[in-house]
């Protein structure tokens, strides 16, 4: 069974922790590579979630822009 996909906030928090660990310089090369790969995956997940949210907001704004015309007597 696979773990559920993290929320945007969980992914962002984990990514921030990875950055802290990589910047502190105490990780081994192998661990740093593993962290980097996980960070890449989390970045892609966050980017996808942000893109989806942006599309949703655009759709909502578009609907809002048309709302006064829908069903209005004319």
Protein backbone atom coordinates (compact mmCIF):
# COMPACT_ATOMS: atom_id res chain seq x y z
CA UNK A 1 0.00 0.00 0.00
CA UNK A 2 1.41 3.42 -0.93
CA UNK A 3 1.31 6.45 1.32
CA UNK A 4 -1.26 9.11 0.43
CA UNK A 5 0.01 12.09 -1.53
CA UNK A 6 0.99 14.93 0.81
CA UNK A 7 -0.95 18.16 0.80
CA UNK A 8 0.71 21.25 -0.65
CA UNK A 9 1.54 22.45 2.85
CA UNK A 10 3.01 19.11 3.91
CA UNK A 11 5.13 18.94 0.75
CA UNK A 12 6.31 22.54 1.21
CA UNK A 13 7.25 21.91 4.84
CA UNK A 14 9.16 18.75 3.94
CA UNK A 15 10.92 20.56 1.11
CA UNK A 16 11.93 23.36 3.50
CA UNK A 17 13.35 20.76 5.90
CA UNK A 18 15.30 19.14 3.07
CA UNK A 19 16.78 22.52 2.12
CA UNK A 20 17.80 23.12 5.75
CA UNK A 21 19.46 19.71 5.95
CA UNK A 22 21.32 20.20 2.68
CA UNK A 23 22.48 23.67 3.69
CA UNK A 24 23.80 22.62 7.10
CA UNK A 25 26.53 20.57 5.41
CA UNK A 26 26.27 17.61 7.77
CA UNK A 27 24.80 15.11 5.32
CA UNK A 28 26.83 12.46 3.59
CA UNK A 29 27.05 12.52 -0.18
CA UNK A 30 24.65 9.58 -0.50
CA UNK A 31 22.17 11.15 1.90
CA UNK A 32 22.44 14.50 0.10
CA UNK A 33 21.67 12.84 -3.22
CA UNK A 34 18.67 11.05 -1.74
CA UNK A 35 17.43 14.30 -0.19
CA UNK A 36 17.95 16.14 -3.49
CA UNK A 37 15.90 13.53 -5.37
CA UNK A 38 13.11 13.74 -2.80
CA UNK A 39 13.26 17.52 -3.02
CA UNK A 40 12.89 17.37 -6.80
CA UNK A 41 9.80 15.18 -6.43
CA UNK A 42 8.31 17.50 -3.80
CA UNK A 43 9.03 20.55 -5.95
CA UNK A 44 7.23 18.93 -8.90
CA UNK A 45 4.27 18.06 -6.68
CA UNK A 46 4.07 21.61 -5.29
CA UNK A 47 4.35 23.10 -8.79
CA UNK A 48 1.55 20.84 -10.06
CA UNK A 49 -0.69 21.77 -7.11
CA UNK A 50 0.01 25.48 -7.62
CA UNK A 51 -0.70 25.21 -11.35
CA UNK A 52 -3.99 23.43 -10.65
CA UNK A 53 -4.97 26.06 -8.08
CA UNK A 54 -4.11 28.84 -10.53
CA UNK A 55 -6.31 27.24 -13.19
CA UNK A 56 -9.15 26.87 -10.71
CA UNK A 57 -8.88 30.52 -9.65
CA UNK A 58 -8.88 31.59 -13.31
CA UNK A 59 -12.04 29.53 -13.91
CA UNK A 60 -13.73 31.05 -10.86
CA UNK A 61 -12.80 34.56 -11.93
CA UNK A 62 -14.08 33.86 -15.41
CA UNK A 63 -17.39 32.64 -14.00
CA UNK A 64 -17.57 35.67 -11.75
CA UNK A 65 -16.99 37.92 -14.72
CA UNK A 66 -19.91 36.30 -16.58
CA UNK A 67 -22.22 35.97 -13.56
CA UNK A 68 -24.03 39.30 -14.01
CA UNK A 69 -24.86 38.39 -17.65
CA UNK A 70 -26.23 34.95 -16.85
CA UNK A 71 -30.00 35.11 -16.53
CA UNK A 72 -30.09 38.87 -16.33
CA UNK A 73 -33.05 40.47 -18.09
CA UNK A 74 -31.84 42.05 -21.21
